Amino acid sequence: MTALLASPLELAAACFGLIGLILLIAALVALKRRRPFRFILRTLFGLLLLSLGALAGVIGIGMQGYRGLTREEVAARVVVQPLGPQRFSATFHIPGRPETIYYELAGDAIYVDAHILKWKPIVNVFGLHTAYELDRVAGRYDDVEQERSSPRTVHTLTPERRIDLFGLRTRYAFLAPVLDAEYGSGTFVRVSAPAELEVRVSTTGLLIRPANTQAR
């Protein structure tokens, strides 16, 4: 799924970069032939295309790890196991990621949230549509006073990345015409016995359900 999201951008980055490089070479030729107008014009267009290619490349790298969101689907399978009073373990199996993620959490419930990237129609032509990535998992107490005073356990579900596209959008307003990163979603469920759960994501947000083991 990730490859499908990134491939149009990789193609665009390569095309823009190649044409931009050709224009810069042509600009040098024009300079050598003492044609300043052609030199300036080709240099400007070359730099513009190289910039567009670099932007497409940055977005393509930033989209790695995100999955396209077109319908309800399983974002992760989680095996929970009580370890003691208000203590439990959670083992995550996330599609597309070979490693198993294991955490021990404190609280009465498991809480999971996700980042949602919503691309504007102007860039849908590049194959970019609404996408999501699980962000963090935490233990949640039923009692508000315990939530304030008892030990908190919060862990990341996001892999290390070279470019944090969600973070870039929240910091830089100039990306607003093409990308909306204002939206996140979270869900929780009580952990009182060993269970296998599914974290599901849809266009309306996250939810946790008992795993449909027969479908596996």
C-alpha atoms as a PDB file:
ATOM      1  CA  MET A   1       0.000   0.000   0.000  1.00  0.00           C
ATOM      2  CA  THR A   2       2.822   2.415   0.887  1.00  0.00           C
ATOM      3  CA  ALA A   3       4.564   1.766  -2.421  1.00  0.00           C
ATOM      4  CA  LEU A   4       1.369   2.578  -4.277  1.00  0.00           C
ATOM      5  CA  LEU A   5       1.122   5.879  -2.433  1.00  0.00           C
ATOM      6  CA  ALA A   6       4.723   6.860  -3.034  1.00  0.00           C
ATOM      7  CA  SER A   7       5.310   5.731  -6.645  1.00  0.00           C
ATOM      8  CA  PRO A   8       3.538   8.657  -8.444  1.00  0.00           C
ATOM      9  CA  LEU A   9       5.517  11.120  -6.352  1.00  0.00           C
ATOM     10  CA  GLU A  10       8.778   9.319  -7.022  1.00  0.00           C
ATOM     11  CA  LEU A  11       7.993   9.469 -10.741  1.00  0.00           C
ATOM     12  CA  ALA A  12       7.134  13.165 -10.521  1.00  0.00           C
ATOM     13  CA  ALA A  13      10.318  13.892  -8.539  1.00  0.00           C
ATOM     14  CA  ALA A  14      12.438  12.072 -11.130  1.00  0.00           C
ATOM     15  CA  CYS A  15      10.756  13.803 -14.087  1.00  0.00           C
ATOM     16  CA  PHE A  16      10.928  17.301 -12.579  1.00  0.00           C
ATOM     17  CA  GLY A  17      14.516  16.743 -11.518  1.00  0.00           C
ATOM     18  CA  LEU A  18      15.618  15.453 -14.918  1.00  0.00           C
ATOM     19  CA  ILE A  19      13.925  18.247 -16.891  1.00  0.00           C
ATOM     20  CA  GLY A  20      15.232  20.842 -14.440  1.00  0.00           C
ATOM     21  CA  LEU A  21      18.774  19.518 -14.831  1.00  0.00           C
ATOM     22  CA  ILE A  22      18.469  19.578 -18.631  1.00  0.00           C
ATOM     23  CA  LEU A  23      17.277  23.201 -18.483  1.00  0.00           C
ATOM     24  CA  LEU A  24      20.215  24.191 -16.285  1.00  0.00           C
ATOM     25  CA  ILE A  25      22.630  22.582 -18.730  1.00  0.00           C
ATOM     26  CA  ALA A  26      20.877  24.409 -21.570  1.00  0.00           C
ATOM     27  CA  ALA A  27      21.214  27.636 -19.555  1.00  0.00           C
ATOM     28  CA  LEU A  28      24.979  27.142 -19.329  1.00  0.00           C
ATOM     29  CA  VAL A  29      25.099  26.586 -23.077  1.00  0.00           C
ATOM     30  CA  ALA A  30      23.138  29.821 -23.612  1.00  0.00           C
ATOM     31  CA  LEU A  31      25.556  31.652 -21.308  1.00  0.00           C
ATOM     32  CA  LYS A  32      28.511  30.321 -23.257  1.00  0.00           C
ATOM     33  CA  ARG A  33      26.887  31.579 -26.471  1.00  0.00           C
ATOM     34  CA  ARG A  34      26.291  34.973 -24.821  1.00  0.00           C
ATOM     35  CA  ARG A  35      22.509  34.812 -24.858  1.00  0.00           C
ATOM     36  CA  PRO A  36      21.660  36.312 -21.448  1.00  0.00           C
ATOM     37  CA  PHE A  37      17.853  36.282 -21.853  1.00  0.00           C
ATOM     38  CA  ARG A  38      17.792  32.552 -22.633  1.00  0.00           C
ATOM     39  CA  PHE A  39      20.264  31.934 -19.806  1.00  0.00           C
ATOM     40  CA  ILE A  40      18.062  33.707 -17.251  1.00  0.00           C
ATOM     41  CA  LEU A  41      14.837  32.096 -18.514  1.00  0.00           C
ATOM     42  CA  ARG A  42      16.230  28.562 -18.584  1.00  0.00           C
ATOM     43  CA  THR A  43      17.904  28.990 -15.211  1.00  0.00           C
ATOM     44  CA  LEU A  44      14.665  30.158 -13.569  1.00  0.00           C
ATOM     45  CA  PHE A  45      12.585  27.346 -15.065  1.00  0.00           C
ATOM     46  CA  GLY A  46      15.307  24.814 -14.266  1.00  0.00           C
ATOM     47  CA  LEU A  47      15.477  25.872 -10.629  1.00  0.00           C
ATOM     48  CA  LEU A  48      11.684  25.873 -10.392  1.00  0.00           C
ATOM     49  CA  LEU A  49      11.460  22.307 -11.701  1.00  0.00           C
ATOM     50  CA  LEU A  50      14.265  21.147  -9.427  1.00  0.00           C
ATOM     51  CA  SER A  51      12.410  22.692  -6.484  1.00  0.00           C
ATOM     52  CA  LEU A  52       9.191  20.921  -7.471  1.00  0.00           C
ATOM     53  CA  GLY A  53      11.104  17.669  -7.840  1.00  0.00           C
ATOM     54  CA  ALA A  54      12.667  18.112  -4.406  1.00  0.00           C
ATOM     55  CA  LEU A  55       9.237  18.852  -2.894  1.00  0.00           C
ATOM     56  CA  ALA A  56       7.747  15.744  -4.509  1.00  0.00           C
ATOM     57  CA  GLY A  57      10.663  13.710  -3.182  1.00  0.00           C
ATOM     58  CA  VAL A  58      10.238  15.069   0.339  1.00  0.00           C
ATOM     59  CA  ILE A  59       6.517  14.269   0.322  1.00  0.00           C
ATOM     60  CA  GLY A  60       7.196  10.791  -1.066  1.00  0.00           C
ATOM     61  CA  ILE A  61       9.674  10.068   1.726  1.00  0.00           C
ATOM     62  CA  GLY A  62       7.343  11.579   4.315  1.00  0.00           C
ATOM     63  CA  MET A  63       4.488   9.345   3.177  1.00  0.00           C
ATOM     64  CA  GLN A  64       6.486   6.190   3.903  1.00  0.00           C
ATOM     65  CA  GLY A  65       4.728   4.394   6.747  1.00  0.00           C
ATOM     66  CA  TYR A  66       1.331   5.919   6.042  1.00  0.00           C
ATOM     67  CA  ARG A  67      -1.434   3.734   4.649  1.00  0.00           C
ATOM     68  CA  GLY A  68      -4.214   4.840   2.324  1.00  0.00           C
ATOM     69  CA  LEU A  69      -7.616   5.227   3.965  1.00  0.00           C
ATOM     70  CA  THR A  70     -10.465   4.410   1.611  1.00  0.00           C
ATOM     71  CA  ARG A  71     -12.592   2.116   3.785  1.00  0.00           C
ATOM     72  CA  GLU A  72     -12.624   0.495   7.224  1.00  0.00           C
ATOM     73  CA  GLU A  73      -9.573  -1.713   7.617  1.00  0.00           C
ATOM     74  CA  VAL A  74      -7.427  -3.313  10.305  1.00  0.00           C
ATOM     75  CA  ALA A  75      -4.659  -0.934  11.388  1.00  0.00           C
ATOM     76  CA  ALA A  76      -3.215  -3.371  13.943  1.00  0.00           C
ATOM     77  CA  ARG A  77      -3.855  -6.580  15.828  1.00  0.00           C
ATOM     78  CA  VAL A  78      -3.190  -6.342  19.553  1.00  0.00           C
ATOM     79  CA  VAL A  79      -2.828  -9.157  22.077  1.00  0.00           C
ATOM     80  CA  VAL A  80      -3.459  -7.892  25.616  1.00  0.00           C
ATOM     81  CA  GLN A  81      -2.563  -9.822  28.765  1.00  0.00           C
ATOM     82  CA  PRO A  82      -3.291  -8.693  32.357  1.00  0.00           C
ATOM     83  CA  LEU A  83      -0.132  -8.704  34.518  1.00  0.00           C
ATOM     84  CA  GLY A  84      -1.648  -7.586  37.808  1.00  0.00           C
ATOM     85  CA  PRO A  85      -3.963  -4.926  39.248  1.00  0.00           C
ATOM     86  CA  GLN A  86      -4.166  -2.149  36.659  1.00  0.00           C
ATOM     87  CA  ARG A  87      -1.178  -3.562  34.785  1.00  0.00           C
ATOM     88  CA  PHE A  88      -1.235  -5.308  31.420  1.00  0.00           C
ATOM     89  CA  SER A  89       0.918  -5.986  28.383  1.00  0.00           C
ATOM     90  CA  ALA A  90       0.078  -5.155  24.767  1.00  0.00           C
ATOM     91  CA  THR A  91       1.711  -6.811  21.764  1.00  0.00           C
ATOM     92  CA  PHE A  92       1.112  -5.072  18.422  1.00  0.00           C
ATOM     93  CA  HIS A  93       1.193  -6.644  14.976  1.00  0.00           C
ATOM     94  CA  ILE A  94       0.931  -3.824  12.422  1.00  0.00           C
ATOM     95  CA  PRO A  95       0.402  -4.657   8.706  1.00  0.00           C
ATOM     96  CA  GLY A  96       3.427  -3.810   6.586  1.00  0.00           C
ATOM     97  CA  ARG A  97       5.816  -3.832   9.557  1.00  0.00           C
ATOM     98  CA  PRO A  98       7.677  -7.091  10.215  1.00  0.00           C
ATOM     99  CA  GLU A  99       8.618  -6.304  13.818  1.00  0.00           C
ATOM    100  CA  THR A 100       6.394  -7.050  16.808  1.00  0.00           C
ATOM    101  CA  ILE A 101       5.865  -4.141  19.218  1.00  0.00           C
ATOM    102  CA  TYR A 102       5.559  -5.011  22.919  1.00  0.00           C
ATOM    103  CA  TYR A 103       4.781  -2.621  25.781  1.00  0.00           C
ATOM    104  CA  GLU A 104       3.710  -2.930  29.399  1.00  0.00           C
ATOM    105  CA  LEU A 105       1.023  -0.423  30.366  1.00  0.00           C
ATOM    106  CA  ALA A 106      -0.612   0.835  33.550  1.00  0.00           C
ATOM    107  CA  GLY A 107      -4.324   1.530  33.826  1.00  0.00           C
ATOM    108  CA  ASP A 108      -7.724  -0.031  33.279  1.00  0.00           C
ATOM    109  CA  ALA A 109      -7.892   0.379  29.501  1.00  0.00           C
ATOM    110  CA  ILE A 110      -5.690   0.465  26.446  1.00  0.00           C
ATOM    111  CA  TYR A 111      -5.762   3.714  24.469  1.00  0.00           C
ATOM    112  CA  VAL A 112      -4.535   4.052  20.869  1.00  0.00           C
ATOM    113  CA  ASP A 113      -4.471   7.127  18.629  1.00  0.00           C
ATOM    114  CA  ALA A 114      -3.431   7.945  15.082  1.00  0.00           C
ATOM    115  CA  HIS A 115      -2.397  10.801  12.812  1.00  0.00           C
ATOM    116  CA  ILE A 116      -4.615  11.479   9.820  1.00  0.00           C
ATOM    117  CA  LEU A 117      -3.252  13.205   6.711  1.00  0.00           C
ATOM    118  CA  LYS A 118      -5.924  14.605   4.418  1.00  0.00           C
ATOM    119  CA  TRP A 119      -4.657  15.759   1.032  1.00  0.00           C
ATOM    120  CA  LYS A 120      -6.525  18.464  -0.833  1.00  0.00           C
ATOM    121  CA  PRO A 121      -8.073  17.658  -4.270  1.00  0.00           C
ATOM    122  CA  ILE A 122      -5.382  19.686  -6.054  1.00  0.00           C
ATOM    123  CA  VAL A 123      -2.779  16.977  -5.304  1.00  0.00           C
ATOM    124  CA  ASN A 124      -5.028  13.931  -5.655  1.00  0.00           C
ATOM    125  CA  VAL A 125      -3.780  13.675  -9.247  1.00  0.00           C
ATOM    126  CA  PHE A 126      -0.456  12.430  -7.828  1.00  0.00           C
ATOM    127  CA  GLY A 127      -2.230   9.542  -6.095  1.00  0.00           C
ATOM    128  CA  LEU A 128      -2.274  11.224  -2.682  1.00  0.00           C
ATOM    129  CA  HIS A 129      -5.469  10.715  -0.728  1.00  0.00           C
ATOM    130  CA  THR A 130      -6.421  10.535   2.938  1.00  0.00           C
ATOM    131  CA  ALA A 131      -3.868   8.410   4.820  1.00  0.00           C
ATOM    132  CA  TYR A 132      -3.238   7.400   8.413  1.00  0.00           C
ATOM    133  CA  GLU A 133      -0.482   6.202  10.721  1.00  0.00           C
ATOM    134  CA  LEU A 134      -0.798   4.899  14.280  1.00  0.00           C
ATOM    135  CA  ASP A 135       0.912   7.361  16.624  1.00  0.00           C
ATOM    136  CA  ARG A 136       0.914   6.181  20.229  1.00  0.00           C
ATOM    137  CA  VAL A 137      -0.450   3.718  22.784  1.00  0.00           C
ATOM    138  CA  ALA A 138      -1.120   4.460  26.443  1.00  0.00           C
ATOM    139  CA  GLY A 139      -2.700   3.027  29.535  1.00  0.00           C
ATOM    140  CA  ARG A 140      -5.904   4.771  30.627  1.00  0.00           C
ATOM    141  CA  TYR A 141      -7.444   4.838  34.107  1.00  0.00           C
ATOM    142  CA  ASP A 142     -11.192   4.812  34.582  1.00  0.00           C
ATOM    143  CA  ASP A 143     -10.932   7.165  37.555  1.00  0.00           C
ATOM    144  CA  VAL A 144      -9.988  10.758  36.728  1.00  0.00           C
ATOM    145  CA  GLU A 145      -8.060  11.249  39.988  1.00  0.00           C
ATOM    146  CA  GLN A 146      -5.965   8.173  39.228  1.00  0.00           C
ATOM    147  CA  GLU A 147      -5.356   9.520  35.747  1.00  0.00           C
ATOM    148  CA  ARG A 148      -3.879  12.627  37.358  1.00  0.00           C
ATOM    149  CA  SER A 149      -1.818  11.004  40.142  1.00  0.00           C
ATOM    150  CA  SER A 150      -1.001   7.394  39.184  1.00  0.00           C
ATOM    151  CA  PRO A 151       1.923   6.318  36.972  1.00  0.00           C
ATOM    152  CA  ARG A 152       1.404   7.187  33.308  1.00  0.00           C
ATOM    153  CA  THR A 153       2.578   4.875  30.524  1.00  0.00           C
ATOM    154  CA  VAL A 154       2.705   6.294  26.993  1.00  0.00           C
ATOM    155  CA  HIS A 155       4.689   4.769  24.110  1.00  0.00           C
ATOM    156  CA  THR A 156       5.144   5.534  20.444  1.00  0.00           C
ATOM    157  CA  LEU A 157       3.835   3.345  17.616  1.00  0.00           C
ATOM    158  CA  THR A 158       5.481   5.465  14.906  1.00  0.00           C
ATOM    159  CA  PRO A 159       8.725   4.172  13.371  1.00  0.00           C
ATOM    160  CA  GLU A 160      11.723   6.460  13.104  1.00  0.00           C
ATOM    161  CA  ARG A 161      11.543   8.478   9.887  1.00  0.00           C
ATOM    162  CA  ARG A 162      13.768  10.893   8.032  1.00  0.00           C
ATOM    163  CA  ILE A 163      10.901  13.290   7.358  1.00  0.00           C
ATOM    164  CA  ASP A 164       7.933  13.810   9.685  1.00  0.00           C
ATOM    165  CA  LEU A 165       5.278  15.031   7.262  1.00  0.00           C
ATOM    166  CA  PHE A 166       2.635  15.452   9.968  1.00  0.00           C
ATOM    167  CA  GLY A 167       5.029  17.542  12.053  1.00  0.00           C
ATOM    168  CA  LEU A 168       6.054  19.655   9.059  1.00  0.00           C
ATOM    169  CA  ARG A 169       2.425  20.490   8.292  1.00  0.00           C
ATOM    170  CA  THR A 170       1.691  21.531  11.873  1.00  0.00           C
ATOM    171  CA  ARG A 171       4.736  23.851  11.857  1.00  0.00           C
ATOM    172  CA  TYR A 172       4.487  25.398   8.390  1.00  0.00           C
ATOM    173  CA  ALA A 173       1.292  27.115   7.277  1.00  0.00           C
ATOM    174  CA  PHE A 174       2.370  27.314   3.620  1.00  0.00           C
ATOM    175  CA  LEU A 175       1.500  23.602   3.252  1.00  0.00           C
ATOM    176  CA  ALA A 176      -2.156  24.316   4.130  1.00  0.00           C
ATOM    177  CA  PRO A 177      -3.356  24.612   0.486  1.00  0.00           C
ATOM    178  CA  VAL A 178      -2.316  21.001  -0.220  1.00  0.00           C
ATOM    179  CA  LEU A 179      -2.409  19.180   3.129  1.00  0.00           C
ATOM    180  CA  ASP A 180      -4.603  19.072   6.234  1.00  0.00           C
ATOM    181  CA  ALA A 181      -2.952  17.592   9.326  1.00  0.00           C
ATOM    182  CA  GLU A 182      -5.285  19.039  11.934  1.00  0.00           C
ATOM    183  CA  TYR A 183      -7.166  15.800  12.423  1.00  0.00           C
ATOM    184  CA  GLY A 184      -6.319  12.927  14.745  1.00  0.00           C
ATOM    185  CA  SER A 185      -8.354  10.106  16.199  1.00  0.00           C
ATOM    186  CA  GLY A 186      -8.187   7.964  19.339  1.00  0.00           C
ATOM    187  CA  THR A 187     -10.021   5.041  20.897  1.00  0.00           C
ATOM    188  CA  PHE A 188      -9.806   2.902  24.044  1.00  0.00           C
ATOM    189  CA  VAL A 189     -11.201  -0.307  25.520  1.00  0.00           C
ATOM    190  CA  ARG A 190     -10.987  -1.838  29.010  1.00  0.00           C
ATOM    191  CA  VAL A 191      -8.570  -4.708  29.585  1.00  0.00           C
ATOM    192  CA  SER A 192      -9.940  -7.179  32.140  1.00  0.00           C
ATOM    193  CA  ALA A 193      -8.908 -10.516  30.622  1.00  0.00           C
ATOM    194  CA  PRO A 194      -6.525 -11.905  27.982  1.00  0.00           C
ATOM    195  CA  ALA A 195      -7.818 -10.986  24.544  1.00  0.00           C
ATOM    196  CA  GLU A 196      -6.898 -10.430  20.928  1.00  0.00           C
ATOM    197  CA  LEU A 197      -8.145  -7.114  19.596  1.00  0.00           C
ATOM    198  CA  GLU A 198      -8.291  -5.320  16.272  1.00  0.00           C
ATOM    199  CA  VAL A 199      -7.582  -1.619  15.996  1.00  0.00           C
ATOM    200  CA  ARG A 200      -9.688  -0.558  13.022  1.00  0.00           C
ATOM    201  CA  VAL A 201      -9.641   2.722  11.146  1.00  0.00           C
ATOM    202  CA  SER A 202     -12.305   4.204   8.919  1.00  0.00           C
ATOM    203  CA  THR A 203     -13.138   7.595   7.470  1.00  0.00           C
ATOM    204  CA  THR A 204     -14.813   8.444  10.790  1.00  0.00           C
ATOM    205  CA  GLY A 205     -11.859   7.481  13.010  1.00  0.00           C
ATOM    206  CA  LEU A 206     -10.399   4.658  15.096  1.00  0.00           C
ATOM    207  CA  LEU A 207     -12.206   1.920  16.994  1.00  0.00           C
ATOM    208  CA  ILE A 208     -11.172  -1.272  18.820  1.00  0.00           C
ATOM    209  CA  ARG A 209     -13.032  -4.546  18.420  1.00  0.00           C
ATOM    210  CA  PRO A 210     -12.448  -8.180  19.403  1.00  0.00           C
ATOM    211  CA  ALA A 211     -10.380  -9.831  16.676  1.00  0.00           C
ATOM    212  CA  ASN A 212     -12.248 -11.800  14.057  1.00  0.00           C
ATOM    213  CA  THR A 213     -10.052 -14.886  14.311  1.00  0.00           C
ATOM    214  CA  GLN A 214     -12.174 -16.810  11.803  1.00  0.00           C
ATOM    215  CA  ALA A 215     -11.328 -14.227   9.104  1.00  0.00           C
ATOM    216  CA  ARG A 216      -7.618 -14.942   9.600  1.00  0.00           C
END
